[in-house]
Structure formats: structure tokens, C-alpha cells
Amino acid sequence: LLSAFFVLIGVFFFVAWFDLQIAIILCS
């Protein structure tokens, strides 16, 4: 649970660097 949550936060910031909209859709 915890590892997935922390990785999810990291994925959001990384993808948002390229495209915020896709980062929001993917991570949400």
C-alpha cells in the first residue's frame, strides 16, 4: 500500500513535467 502510494506521487510529478493533463488523468 505505502510503496504504491509513494510511487504514484513520483509518477505524477514526472509525467506532469511533460504534460500536466495526462499526469492528472493517469494518476487520478
mmCIF file of all heavy atoms, coordinates in Angstrom:
data_MODEL
# 
_entry.id   MODEL 
# 
loop_
_atom_site.group_PDB 
_atom_site.id 
_atom_site.type_symbol 
_atom_site.label_atom_id 
_atom_site.label_alt_id 
_atom_site.label_comp_id 
_atom_site.label_asym_id 
_atom_site.label_entity_id 
_atom_site.label_seq_id 
_atom_site.pdbx_PDB_ins_code 
_atom_site.Cartn_x 
_atom_site.Cartn_y 
_atom_site.Cartn_z 
_atom_site.occupancy 
_atom_site.B_iso_or_equiv 
_atom_site.pdbx_formal_charge 
_atom_site.auth_seq_id 
_atom_site.auth_comp_id 
_atom_site.auth_asym_id 
_atom_site.auth_atom_id 
_atom_site.pdbx_PDB_model_num 
ATOM 1   N N   . LEU A 1 1  ? 0.819  -1.208 0.000   1.00 0.00 ? 1  LEU A N   1 
ATOM 2   C CA  . LEU A 1 1  ? 0.000  0.000  0.000   1.00 0.00 ? 1  LEU A CA  1 
ATOM 3   C C   . LEU A 1 1  ? 0.857  1.264  0.000   1.00 0.00 ? 1  LEU A C   1 
ATOM 4   O O   . LEU A 1 1  ? 0.684  2.161  -0.826  1.00 0.00 ? 1  LEU A O   1 
ATOM 5   C CB  . LEU A 1 1  ? -0.928 -0.004 1.213   1.00 0.00 ? 1  LEU A CB  1 
ATOM 6   C CG  . LEU A 1 1  ? -2.339 -0.558 1.017   1.00 0.00 ? 1  LEU A CG  1 
ATOM 7   C CD1 . LEU A 1 1  ? -3.082 -0.512 2.331   1.00 0.00 ? 1  LEU A CD1 1 
ATOM 8   C CD2 . LEU A 1 1  ? -3.082 0.246  -0.032  1.00 0.00 ? 1  LEU A CD2 1 
ATOM 9   N N   . LEU A 1 2  ? 1.784  1.348  0.951   1.00 0.00 ? 2  LEU A N   1 
ATOM 10  C CA  . LEU A 1 2  ? 2.593  2.549  1.094   1.00 0.00 ? 2  LEU A CA  1 
ATOM 11  C C   . LEU A 1 2  ? 3.536  2.747  -0.080  1.00 0.00 ? 2  LEU A C   1 
ATOM 12  O O   . LEU A 1 2  ? 3.696  3.873  -0.577  1.00 0.00 ? 2  LEU A O   1 
ATOM 13  C CB  . LEU A 1 2  ? 3.379  2.484  2.404   1.00 0.00 ? 2  LEU A CB  1 
ATOM 14  C CG  . LEU A 1 2  ? 2.535  2.536  3.681   1.00 0.00 ? 2  LEU A CG  1 
ATOM 15  C CD1 . LEU A 1 2  ? 3.418  2.358  4.914   1.00 0.00 ? 2  LEU A CD1 1 
ATOM 16  C CD2 . LEU A 1 2  ? 1.770  3.849  3.771   1.00 0.00 ? 2  LEU A CD2 1 
ATOM 17  N N   . SER A 1 3  ? 4.157  1.670  -0.529  1.00 0.00 ? 3  SER A N   1 
ATOM 18  C CA  . SER A 1 3  ? 5.088  1.803  -1.657  1.00 0.00 ? 3  SER A CA  1 
ATOM 19  C C   . SER A 1 3  ? 4.350  2.238  -2.917  1.00 0.00 ? 3  SER A C   1 
ATOM 20  O O   . SER A 1 3  ? 4.843  3.095  -3.674  1.00 0.00 ? 3  SER A O   1 
ATOM 21  C CB  . SER A 1 3  ? 5.830  0.487  -1.894  1.00 0.00 ? 3  SER A CB  1 
ATOM 22  O OG  . SER A 1 3  ? 4.919  -0.576 -2.143  1.00 0.00 ? 3  SER A OG  1 
ATOM 23  N N   . ALA A 1 4  ? 3.162  1.702  -3.163  1.00 0.00 ? 4  ALA A N   1 
ATOM 24  C CA  . ALA A 1 4  ? 2.383  2.117  -4.327  1.00 0.00 ? 4  ALA A CA  1 
ATOM 25  C C   . ALA A 1 4  ? 1.982  3.587  -4.229  1.00 0.00 ? 4  ALA A C   1 
ATOM 26  O O   . ALA A 1 4  ? 2.002  4.324  -5.226  1.00 0.00 ? 4  ALA A O   1 
ATOM 27  C CB  . ALA A 1 4  ? 1.139  1.242  -4.462  1.00 0.00 ? 4  ALA A CB  1 
ATOM 28  N N   . PHE A 1 5  ? 1.638  4.045  -3.038  1.00 0.00 ? 5  PHE A N   1 
ATOM 29  C CA  . PHE A 1 5  ? 1.226  5.444  -2.862  1.00 0.00 ? 5  PHE A CA  1 
ATOM 30  C C   . PHE A 1 5  ? 2.395  6.392  -3.135  1.00 0.00 ? 5  PHE A C   1 
ATOM 31  O O   . PHE A 1 5  ? 2.241  7.403  -3.843  1.00 0.00 ? 5  PHE A O   1 
ATOM 32  C CB  . PHE A 1 5  ? 0.705  5.647  -1.440  1.00 0.00 ? 5  PHE A CB  1 
ATOM 33  C CG  . PHE A 1 5  ? 0.277  7.050  -1.141  1.00 0.00 ? 5  PHE A CG  1 
ATOM 34  C CD1 . PHE A 1 5  ? -0.904 7.560  -1.670  1.00 0.00 ? 5  PHE A CD1 1 
ATOM 35  C CD2 . PHE A 1 5  ? 1.070  7.876  -0.363  1.00 0.00 ? 5  PHE A CD2 1 
ATOM 36  C CE1 . PHE A 1 5  ? -1.294 8.863  -1.399  1.00 0.00 ? 5  PHE A CE1 1 
ATOM 37  C CE2 . PHE A 1 5  ? 0.684  9.182  -0.088  1.00 0.00 ? 5  PHE A CE2 1 
ATOM 38  C CZ  . PHE A 1 5  ? -0.503 9.679  -0.610  1.00 0.00 ? 5  PHE A CZ  1 
ATOM 39  N N   . PHE A 1 6  ? 3.566  6.079  -2.588  1.00 0.00 ? 6  PHE A N   1 
ATOM 40  C CA  . PHE A 1 6  ? 4.723  6.956  -2.808  1.00 0.00 ? 6  PHE A CA  1 
ATOM 41  C C   . PHE A 1 6  ? 5.156  6.965  -4.271  1.00 0.00 ? 6  PHE A C   1 
ATOM 42  O O   . PHE A 1 6  ? 5.545  8.009  -4.808  1.00 0.00 ? 6  PHE A O   1 
ATOM 43  C CB  . PHE A 1 6  ? 5.879  6.520  -1.910  1.00 0.00 ? 6  PHE A CB  1 
ATOM 44  C CG  . PHE A 1 6  ? 5.646  6.782  -0.452  1.00 0.00 ? 6  PHE A CG  1 
ATOM 45  C CD1 . PHE A 1 6  ? 5.879  5.800  0.493   1.00 0.00 ? 6  PHE A CD1 1 
ATOM 46  C CD2 . PHE A 1 6  ? 5.169  8.010  -0.021  1.00 0.00 ? 6  PHE A CD2 1 
ATOM 47  C CE1 . PHE A 1 6  ? 5.658  6.040  1.838   1.00 0.00 ? 6  PHE A CE1 1 
ATOM 48  C CE2 . PHE A 1 6  ? 4.942  8.254  1.325   1.00 0.00 ? 6  PHE A CE2 1 
ATOM 49  C CZ  . PHE A 1 6  ? 5.182  7.278  2.256   1.00 0.00 ? 6  PHE A CZ  1 
ATOM 50  N N   . VAL A 1 7  ? 5.112  5.801  -4.913  1.00 0.00 ? 7  VAL A N   1 
ATOM 51  C CA  . VAL A 1 7  ? 5.472  5.738  -6.328  1.00 0.00 ? 7  VAL A CA  1 
ATOM 52  C C   . VAL A 1 7  ? 4.468  6.517  -7.169  1.00 0.00 ? 7  VAL A C   1 
ATOM 53  O O   . VAL A 1 7  ? 4.841  7.187  -8.148  1.00 0.00 ? 7  VAL A O   1 
ATOM 54  C CB  . VAL A 1 7  ? 5.553  4.271  -6.789  1.00 0.00 ? 7  VAL A CB  1 
ATOM 55  C CG1 . VAL A 1 7  ? 5.678  4.182  -8.305  1.00 0.00 ? 7  VAL A CG1 1 
ATOM 56  C CG2 . VAL A 1 7  ? 6.739  3.575  -6.140  1.00 0.00 ? 7  VAL A CG2 1 
ATOM 57  N N   . LEU A 1 8  ? 3.212  6.461  -6.788  1.00 0.00 ? 8  LEU A N   1 
ATOM 58  C CA  . LEU A 1 8  ? 2.175  7.201  -7.503  1.00 0.00 ? 8  LEU A CA  1 
ATOM 59  C C   . LEU A 1 8  ? 2.454  8.703  -7.454  1.00 0.00 ? 8  LEU A C   1 
ATOM 60  O O   . LEU A 1 8  ? 2.272  9.418  -8.457  1.00 0.00 ? 8  LEU A O   1 
ATOM 61  C CB  . LEU A 1 8  ? 0.808  6.896  -6.881  1.00 0.00 ? 8  LEU A CB  1 
ATOM 62  C CG  . LEU A 1 8  ? -0.431 7.312  -7.679  1.00 0.00 ? 8  LEU A CG  1 
ATOM 63  C CD1 . LEU A 1 8  ? -0.436 6.668  -9.049  1.00 0.00 ? 8  LEU A CD1 1 
ATOM 64  C CD2 . LEU A 1 8  ? -1.682 6.930  -6.912  1.00 0.00 ? 8  LEU A CD2 1 
ATOM 65  N N   . ILE A 1 9  ? 2.908  9.195  -6.324  1.00 0.00 ? 9  ILE A N   1 
ATOM 66  C CA  . ILE A 1 9  ? 3.269  10.610 -6.214  1.00 0.00 ? 9  ILE A CA  1 
ATOM 67  C C   . ILE A 1 9  ? 4.437  10.941 -7.145  1.00 0.00 ? 9  ILE A C   1 
ATOM 68  O O   . ILE A 1 9  ? 4.436  11.963 -7.848  1.00 0.00 ? 9  ILE A O   1 
ATOM 69  C CB  . ILE A 1 9  ? 3.625  10.951 -4.752  1.00 0.00 ? 9  ILE A CB  1 
ATOM 70  C CG1 . ILE A 1 9  ? 2.395  10.804 -3.856  1.00 0.00 ? 9  ILE A CG1 1 
ATOM 71  C CG2 . ILE A 1 9  ? 4.181  12.371 -4.647  1.00 0.00 ? 9  ILE A CG2 1 
ATOM 72  C CD1 . ILE A 1 9  ? 2.683  10.997 -2.381  1.00 0.00 ? 9  ILE A CD1 1 
ATOM 73  N N   . GLY A 1 10 ? 5.449  10.046 -7.167  1.00 0.00 ? 10 GLY A N   1 
ATOM 74  C CA  . GLY A 1 10 ? 6.590  10.267 -8.040  1.00 0.00 ? 10 GLY A CA  1 
ATOM 75  C C   . GLY A 1 10 ? 6.205  10.255 -9.505  1.00 0.00 ? 10 GLY A C   1 
ATOM 76  O O   . GLY A 1 10 ? 6.699  11.077 -10.296 1.00 0.00 ? 10 GLY A O   1 
ATOM 77  N N   . VAL A 1 11 ? 5.322  9.347  -9.895  1.00 0.00 ? 11 VAL A N   1 
ATOM 78  C CA  . VAL A 1 11 ? 4.868  9.280  -11.293 1.00 0.00 ? 11 VAL A CA  1 
ATOM 79  C C   . VAL A 1 11 ? 4.142  10.565 -11.681 1.00 0.00 ? 11 VAL A C   1 
ATOM 80  O O   . VAL A 1 11 ? 4.314  11.082 -12.798 1.00 0.00 ? 11 VAL A O   1 
ATOM 81  C CB  . VAL A 1 11 ? 3.957  8.050  -11.487 1.00 0.00 ? 11 VAL A CB  1 
ATOM 82  C CG1 . VAL A 1 11 ? 3.256  8.107  -12.845 1.00 0.00 ? 11 VAL A CG1 1 
ATOM 83  C CG2 . VAL A 1 11 ? 4.766  6.772  -11.375 1.00 0.00 ? 11 VAL A CG2 1 
ATOM 84  N N   . PHE A 1 12 ? 3.340  11.076 -10.764 1.00 0.00 ? 12 PHE A N   1 
ATOM 85  C CA  . PHE A 1 12 ? 2.595  12.300 -11.081 1.00 0.00 ? 12 PHE A CA  1 
ATOM 86  C C   . PHE A 1 12 ? 3.537  13.452 -11.413 1.00 0.00 ? 12 PHE A C   1 
ATOM 87  O O   . PHE A 1 12 ? 3.375  14.132 -12.441 1.00 0.00 ? 12 PHE A O   1 
ATOM 88  C CB  . PHE A 1 12 ? 1.703  12.686 -9.906  1.00 0.00 ? 12 PHE A CB  1 
ATOM 89  C CG  . PHE A 1 12 ? 1.020  14.002 -10.077 1.00 0.00 ? 12 PHE A CG  1 
ATOM 90  C CD1 . PHE A 1 12 ? -0.094 14.128 -10.899 1.00 0.00 ? 12 PHE A CD1 1 
ATOM 91  C CD2 . PHE A 1 12 ? 1.514  15.152 -9.453  1.00 0.00 ? 12 PHE A CD2 1 
ATOM 92  C CE1 . PHE A 1 12 ? -0.708 15.352 -11.077 1.00 0.00 ? 12 PHE A CE1 1 
ATOM 93  C CE2 . PHE A 1 12 ? 0.902  16.379 -9.620  1.00 0.00 ? 12 PHE A CE2 1 
ATOM 94  C CZ  . PHE A 1 12 ? -0.216 16.484 -10.439 1.00 0.00 ? 12 PHE A CZ  1 
ATOM 95  N N   . PHE A 1 13 ? 4.538  13.689 -10.578 1.00 0.00 ? 13 PHE A N   1 
ATOM 96  C CA  . PHE A 1 13 ? 5.448  14.808 -10.820 1.00 0.00 ? 13 PHE A CA  1 
ATOM 97  C C   . PHE A 1 13 ? 6.283  14.595 -12.076 1.00 0.00 ? 13 PHE A C   1 
ATOM 98  O O   . PHE A 1 13 ? 6.577  15.543 -12.814 1.00 0.00 ? 13 PHE A O   1 
ATOM 99  C CB  . PHE A 1 13 ? 6.347  15.024 -9.602  1.00 0.00 ? 13 PHE A CB  1 
ATOM 100 C CG  . PHE A 1 13 ? 5.644  15.672 -8.449  1.00 0.00 ? 13 PHE A CG  1 
ATOM 101 C CD1 . PHE A 1 13 ? 5.302  14.942 -7.328  1.00 0.00 ? 13 PHE A CD1 1 
ATOM 102 C CD2 . PHE A 1 13 ? 5.295  17.019 -8.499  1.00 0.00 ? 13 PHE A CD2 1 
ATOM 103 C CE1 . PHE A 1 13 ? 4.646  15.542 -6.266  1.00 0.00 ? 13 PHE A CE1 1 
ATOM 104 C CE2 . PHE A 1 13 ? 4.636  17.621 -7.436  1.00 0.00 ? 13 PHE A CE2 1 
ATOM 105 C CZ  . PHE A 1 13 ? 4.308  16.890 -6.320  1.00 0.00 ? 13 PHE A CZ  1 
ATOM 106 N N   . PHE A 1 14 ? 6.659  13.337 -12.333 1.00 0.00 ? 14 PHE A N   1 
ATOM 107 C CA  . PHE A 1 14 ? 7.473  13.084 -13.527 1.00 0.00 ? 14 PHE A CA  1 
ATOM 108 C C   . PHE A 1 14 ? 6.669  13.303 -14.811 1.00 0.00 ? 14 PHE A C   1 
ATOM 109 O O   . PHE A 1 14 ? 7.128  13.983 -15.741 1.00 0.00 ? 14 PHE A O   1 
ATOM 110 C CB  . PHE A 1 14 ? 8.005  11.647 -13.480 1.00 0.00 ? 14 PHE A CB  1 
ATOM 111 C CG  . PHE A 1 14 ? 8.863  11.295 -14.663 1.00 0.00 ? 14 PHE A CG  1 
ATOM 112 C CD1 . PHE A 1 14 ? 10.176 11.737 -14.736 1.00 0.00 ? 14 PHE A CD1 1 
ATOM 113 C CD2 . PHE A 1 14 ? 8.358  10.537 -15.709 1.00 0.00 ? 14 PHE A CD2 1 
ATOM 114 C CE1 . PHE A 1 14 ? 10.975 11.423 -15.835 1.00 0.00 ? 14 PHE A CE1 1 
ATOM 115 C CE2 . PHE A 1 14 ? 9.150  10.214 -16.806 1.00 0.00 ? 14 PHE A CE2 1 
ATOM 116 C CZ  . PHE A 1 14 ? 10.455 10.660 -16.860 1.00 0.00 ? 14 PHE A CZ  1 
ATOM 117 N N   . VAL A 1 15 ? 5.460  12.741 -14.876 1.00 0.00 ? 15 VAL A N   1 
ATOM 118 C CA  . VAL A 1 15 ? 4.642  12.887 -16.082 1.00 0.00 ? 15 VAL A CA  1 
ATOM 119 C C   . VAL A 1 15 ? 4.173  14.330 -16.229 1.00 0.00 ? 15 VAL A C   1 
ATOM 120 O O   . VAL A 1 15 ? 4.068  14.856 -17.351 1.00 0.00 ? 15 VAL A O   1 
ATOM 121 C CB  . VAL A 1 15 ? 3.448  11.907 -16.038 1.00 0.00 ? 15 VAL A CB  1 
ATOM 122 C CG1 . VAL A 1 15 ? 2.531  12.110 -17.235 1.00 0.00 ? 15 VAL A CG1 1 
ATOM 123 C CG2 . VAL A 1 15 ? 3.942  10.474 -16.000 1.00 0.00 ? 15 VAL A CG2 1 
ATOM 124 N N   . ALA A 1 16 ? 3.894  15.007 -15.073 1.00 0.00 ? 16 ALA A N   1 
ATOM 125 C CA  . ALA A 1 16 ? 3.445  16.405 -15.142 1.00 0.00 ? 16 ALA A CA  1 
ATOM 126 C C   . ALA A 1 16 ? 4.518  17.308 -15.734 1.00 0.00 ? 16 ALA A C   1 
ATOM 127 O O   . ALA A 1 16 ? 4.199  18.372 -16.292 1.00 0.00 ? 16 ALA A O   1 
ATOM 128 C CB  . ALA A 1 16 ? 3.057  16.895 -13.755 1.00 0.00 ? 16 ALA A CB  1 
ATOM 129 N N   . TRP A 1 17 ? 5.766  16.890 -15.637 1.00 0.00 ? 17 TRP A N   1 
ATOM 130 C CA  . TRP A 1 17 ? 6.850  17.665 -16.252 1.00 0.00 ? 17 TRP A CA  1 
ATOM 131 C C   . TRP A 1 17 ? 6.684  17.747 -17.770 1.00 0.00 ? 17 TRP A C   1 
ATOM 132 O O   . TRP A 1 17 ? 7.057  18.732 -18.401 1.00 0.00 ? 17 TRP A O   1 
ATOM 133 C CB  . TRP A 1 17 ? 8.177  17.017 -15.867 1.00 0.00 ? 17 TRP A CB  1 
ATOM 134 C CG  . TRP A 1 17 ? 9.379  17.805 -16.282 1.00 0.00 ? 17 TRP A CG  1 
ATOM 135 C CD1 . TRP A 1 17 ? 9.468  19.155 -16.439 1.00 0.00 ? 17 TRP A CD1 1 
ATOM 136 C CD2 . TRP A 1 17 ? 10.663 17.275 -16.596 1.00 0.00 ? 17 TRP A CD2 1 
ATOM 137 N NE1 . TRP A 1 17 ? 10.723 19.516 -16.827 1.00 0.00 ? 17 TRP A NE1 1 
ATOM 138 C CE2 . TRP A 1 17 ? 11.495 18.373 -16.924 1.00 0.00 ? 17 TRP A CE2 1 
ATOM 139 C CE3 . TRP A 1 17 ? 11.208 15.994 -16.606 1.00 0.00 ? 17 TRP A CE3 1 
ATOM 140 C CZ2 . TRP A 1 17 ? 12.842 18.215 -17.274 1.00 0.00 ? 17 TRP A CZ2 1 
ATOM 141 C CZ3 . TRP A 1 17 ? 12.530 15.850 -16.950 1.00 0.00 ? 17 TRP A CZ3 1 
ATOM 142 C CH2 . TRP A 1 17 ? 13.345 16.941 -17.282 1.00 0.00 ? 17 TRP A CH2 1 
ATOM 143 N N   . PHE A 1 18 ? 6.099  16.713 -18.355 1.00 0.00 ? 18 PHE A N   1 
ATOM 144 C CA  . PHE A 1 18 ? 5.877  16.688 -19.798 1.00 0.00 ? 18 PHE A CA  1 
ATOM 145 C C   . PHE A 1 18 ? 4.466  17.161 -20.165 1.00 0.00 ? 18 PHE A C   1 
ATOM 146 O O   . PHE A 1 18 ? 4.292  17.921 -21.125 1.00 0.00 ? 18 PHE A O   1 
ATOM 147 C CB  . PHE A 1 18 ? 6.085  15.268 -20.340 1.00 0.00 ? 18 PHE A CB  1 
ATOM 148 C CG  . PHE A 1 18 ? 7.490  14.775 -20.147 1.00 0.00 ? 18 PHE A CG  1 
ATOM 149 C CD1 . PHE A 1 18 ? 7.803  13.942 -19.085 1.00 0.00 ? 18 PHE A CD1 1 
ATOM 150 C CD2 . PHE A 1 18 ? 8.507  15.135 -21.012 1.00 0.00 ? 18 PHE A CD2 1 
ATOM 151 C CE1 . PHE A 1 18 ? 9.093  13.476 -18.897 1.00 0.00 ? 18 PHE A CE1 1 
ATOM 152 C CE2 . PHE A 1 18 ? 9.806  14.681 -20.838 1.00 0.00 ? 18 PHE A CE2 1 
ATOM 153 C CZ  . PHE A 1 18 ? 10.109 13.844 -19.769 1.00 0.00 ? 18 PHE A CZ  1 
ATOM 154 N N   . ASP A 1 19 ? 3.472  16.693 -19.384 1.00 0.00 ? 19 ASP A N   1 
ATOM 155 C CA  . ASP A 1 19 ? 2.082  17.070 -19.699 1.00 0.00 ? 19 ASP A CA  1 
ATOM 156 C C   . ASP A 1 19 ? 1.238  16.936 -18.437 1.00 0.00 ? 19 ASP A C   1 
ATOM 157 O O   . ASP A 1 19 ? 1.001  15.824 -17.955 1.00 0.00 ? 19 ASP A O   1 
ATOM 158 C CB  . ASP A 1 19 ? 1.524  16.188 -20.808 1.00 0.00 ? 19 ASP A CB  1 
ATOM 159 C CG  . ASP A 1 19 ? 0.254  16.757 -21.413 1.00 0.00 ? 19 ASP A CG  1 
ATOM 160 O OD1 . ASP A 1 19 ? -0.745 16.879 -20.674 1.00 0.00 ? 19 ASP A OD1 1 
ATOM 161 O OD2 . ASP A 1 19 ? 0.259  17.081 -22.623 1.00 0.00 ? 19 ASP A OD2 1 
ATOM 162 N N   . LEU A 1 20 ? 0.764  18.049 -17.909 1.00 0.00 ? 20 LEU A N   1 
ATOM 163 C CA  . LEU A 1 20 ? 0.017  18.048 -16.665 1.00 0.00 ? 20 LEU A CA  1 
ATOM 164 C C   . LEU A 1 20 ? -1.318 17.336 -16.807 1.00 0.00 ? 20 LEU A C   1 
ATOM 165 O O   . LEU A 1 20 ? -1.754 16.618 -15.896 1.00 0.00 ? 20 LEU A O   1 
ATOM 166 C CB  . LEU A 1 20 ? -0.209 19.494 -16.193 1.00 0.00 ? 20 LEU A CB  1 
ATOM 167 C CG  . LEU A 1 20 ? -0.975 19.667 -14.887 1.00 0.00 ? 20 LEU A CG  1 
ATOM 168 C CD1 . LEU A 1 20 ? -0.237 18.995 -13.737 1.00 0.00 ? 20 LEU A CD1 1 
ATOM 169 C CD2 . LEU A 1 20 ? -1.208 21.146 -14.583 1.00 0.00 ? 20 LEU A CD2 1 
ATOM 170 N N   . GLN A 1 21 ? -1.984 17.525 -17.944 1.00 0.00 ? 21 GLN A N   1 
ATOM 171 C CA  . GLN A 1 21 ? -3.299 16.916 -18.137 1.00 0.00 ? 21 GLN A CA  1 
ATOM 172 C C   . GLN A 1 21 ? -3.220 15.391 -18.075 1.00 0.00 ? 21 GLN A C   1 
ATOM 173 O O   . GLN A 1 21 ? -4.015 14.728 -17.396 1.00 0.00 ? 21 GLN A O   1 
ATOM 174 C CB  . GLN A 1 21 ? -3.892 17.360 -19.485 1.00 0.00 ? 21 GLN A CB  1 
ATOM 175 C CG  . GLN A 1 21 ? -5.267 16.748 -19.771 1.00 0.00 ? 21 GLN A CG  1 
ATOM 176 C CD  . GLN A 1 21 ? -5.776 17.076 -21.161 1.00 0.00 ? 21 GLN A CD  1 
ATOM 177 O OE1 . GLN A 1 21 ? -5.069 17.705 -21.960 1.00 0.00 ? 21 GLN A OE1 1 
ATOM 178 N NE2 . GLN A 1 21 ? -6.991 16.643 -21.473 1.00 0.00 ? 21 GLN A NE2 1 
ATOM 179 N N   . ILE A 1 22 ? -2.246 14.832 -18.793 1.00 0.00 ? 22 ILE A N   1 
ATOM 180 C CA  . ILE A 1 22 ? -2.092 13.371 -18.785 1.00 0.00 ? 22 ILE A CA  1 
ATOM 181 C C   . ILE A 1 22 ? -1.703 12.886 -17.394 1.00 0.00 ? 22 ILE A C   1 
ATOM 182 O O   . ILE A 1 22 ? -2.158 11.830 -16.933 1.00 0.00 ? 22 ILE A O   1 
ATOM 183 C CB  . ILE A 1 22 ? -1.052 12.948 -19.834 1.00 0.00 ? 22 ILE A CB  1 
ATOM 184 C CG1 . ILE A 1 22 ? -1.596 13.205 -21.233 1.00 0.00 ? 22 ILE A CG1 1 
ATOM 185 C CG2 . ILE A 1 22 ? -0.687 11.482 -19.665 1.00 0.00 ? 22 ILE A CG2 1 
ATOM 186 C CD1 . ILE A 1 22 ? -0.680 12.803 -22.346 1.00 0.00 ? 22 ILE A CD1 1 
ATOM 187 N N   . ALA A 1 23 ? -0.855 13.675 -16.690 1.00 0.00 ? 23 ALA A N   1 
ATOM 188 C CA  . ALA A 1 23 ? -0.450 13.292 -15.334 1.00 0.00 ? 23 ALA A CA  1 
ATOM 189 C C   . ALA A 1 23 ? -1.660 13.221 -14.415 1.00 0.00 ? 23 ALA A C   1 
ATOM 190 O O   . ALA A 1 23 ? -1.800 12.288 -13.613 1.00 0.00 ? 23 ALA A O   1 
ATOM 191 C CB  . ALA A 1 23 ? 0.572  14.287 -14.798 1.00 0.00 ? 23 ALA A CB  1 
ATOM 192 N N   . ILE A 1 24 ? -2.562 14.195 -14.531 1.00 0.00 ? 24 ILE A N   1 
ATOM 193 C CA  . ILE A 1 24 ? -3.750 14.201 -13.675 1.00 0.00 ? 24 ILE A CA  1 
ATOM 194 C C   . ILE A 1 24 ? -4.661 13.016 -14.000 1.00 0.00 ? 24 ILE A C   1 
ATOM 195 O O   . ILE A 1 24 ? -5.146 12.316 -13.107 1.00 0.00 ? 24 ILE A O   1 
ATOM 196 C CB  . ILE A 1 24 ? -4.507 15.533 -13.841 1.00 0.00 ? 24 ILE A CB  1 
ATOM 197 C CG1 . ILE A 1 24 ? -3.667 16.689 -13.273 1.00 0.00 ? 24 ILE A CG1 1 
ATOM 198 C CG2 . ILE A 1 24 ? -5.867 15.463 -13.136 1.00 0.00 ? 24 ILE A CG2 1 
ATOM 199 C CD1 . ILE A 1 24 ? -4.267 18.055 -13.528 1.00 0.00 ? 24 ILE A CD1 1 
ATOM 200 N N   . ILE A 1 25 ? -4.870 12.778 -15.292 1.00 0.00 ? 25 ILE A N   1 
ATOM 201 C CA  . ILE A 1 25 ? -5.762 11.678 -15.692 1.00 0.00 ? 25 ILE A CA  1 
ATOM 202 C C   . ILE A 1 25 ? -5.174 10.322 -15.273 1.00 0.00 ? 25 ILE A C   1 
ATOM 203 O O   . ILE A 1 25 ? -5.857 9.471  -14.696 1.00 0.00 ? 25 ILE A O   1 
ATOM 204 C CB  . ILE A 1 25 ? -6.005 11.715 -17.211 1.00 0.00 ? 25 ILE A CB  1 
ATOM 205 C CG1 . ILE A 1 25 ? -6.784 12.986 -17.582 1.00 0.00 ? 25 ILE A CG1 1 
ATOM 206 C CG2 . ILE A 1 25 ? -6.785 10.471 -17.663 1.00 0.00 ? 25 ILE A CG2 1 
ATOM 207 C CD1 . ILE A 1 25 ? -6.932 13.189 -19.069 1.00 0.00 ? 25 ILE A CD1 1 
ATOM 208 N N   . LEU A 1 26 ? -3.888 10.141 -15.570 1.00 0.00 ? 26 LEU A N   1 
ATOM 209 C CA  . LEU A 1 26 ? -3.249 8.860  -15.262 1.00 0.00 ? 26 LEU A CA  1 
ATOM 210 C C   . LEU A 1 26 ? -3.229 8.598  -13.761 1.00 0.00 ? 26 LEU A C   1 
ATOM 211 O O   . LEU A 1 26 ? -3.670 7.538  -13.288 1.00 0.00 ? 26 LEU A O   1 
ATOM 212 C CB  . LEU A 1 26 ? -1.823 8.851  -15.820 1.00 0.00 ? 26 LEU A CB  1 
ATOM 213 C CG  . LEU A 1 26 ? -0.949 7.639  -15.445 1.00 0.00 ? 26 LEU A CG  1 
ATOM 214 C CD1 . LEU A 1 26 ? -1.567 6.350  -15.965 1.00 0.00 ? 26 LEU A CD1 1 
ATOM 215 C CD2 . LEU A 1 26 ? 0.479  7.820  -15.959 1.00 0.00 ? 26 LEU A CD2 1 
ATOM 216 N N   . CYS A 1 27 ? -2.727 9.557  -12.995 1.00 0.00 ? 27 CYS A N   1 
ATOM 217 C CA  . CYS A 1 27 ? -2.543 9.325  -11.555 1.00 0.00 ? 27 CYS A CA  1 
ATOM 218 C C   . CYS A 1 27 ? -3.864 9.317  -10.799 1.00 0.00 ? 27 CYS A C   1 
ATOM 219 O O   . CYS A 1 27 ? -4.004 8.589  -9.807  1.00 0.00 ? 27 CYS A O   1 
ATOM 220 C CB  . CYS A 1 27 ? -1.602 10.379 -10.989 1.00 0.00 ? 27 CYS A CB  1 
ATOM 221 S SG  . CYS A 1 27 ? 0.083  10.212 -11.617 1.00 0.00 ? 27 CYS A SG  1 
ATOM 222 N N   . SER A 1 28 ? -4.848 10.127 -11.236 1.00 0.00 ? 28 SER A N   1 
ATOM 223 C CA  . SER A 1 28 ? -6.157 10.074 -10.570 1.00 0.00 ? 28 SER A CA  1 
ATOM 224 C C   . SER A 1 28 ? -6.840 8.737  -10.823 1.00 0.00 ? 28 SER A C   1 
ATOM 225 O O   . SER A 1 28 ? -7.500 8.184  -9.928  1.00 0.00 ? 28 SER A O   1 
ATOM 226 C CB  . SER A 1 28 ? -7.036 11.228 -11.050 1.00 0.00 ? 28 SER A CB  1 
ATOM 227 O OG  . SER A 1 28 ? -7.260 11.148 -12.448 1.00 0.00 ? 28 SER A OG  1 
# 
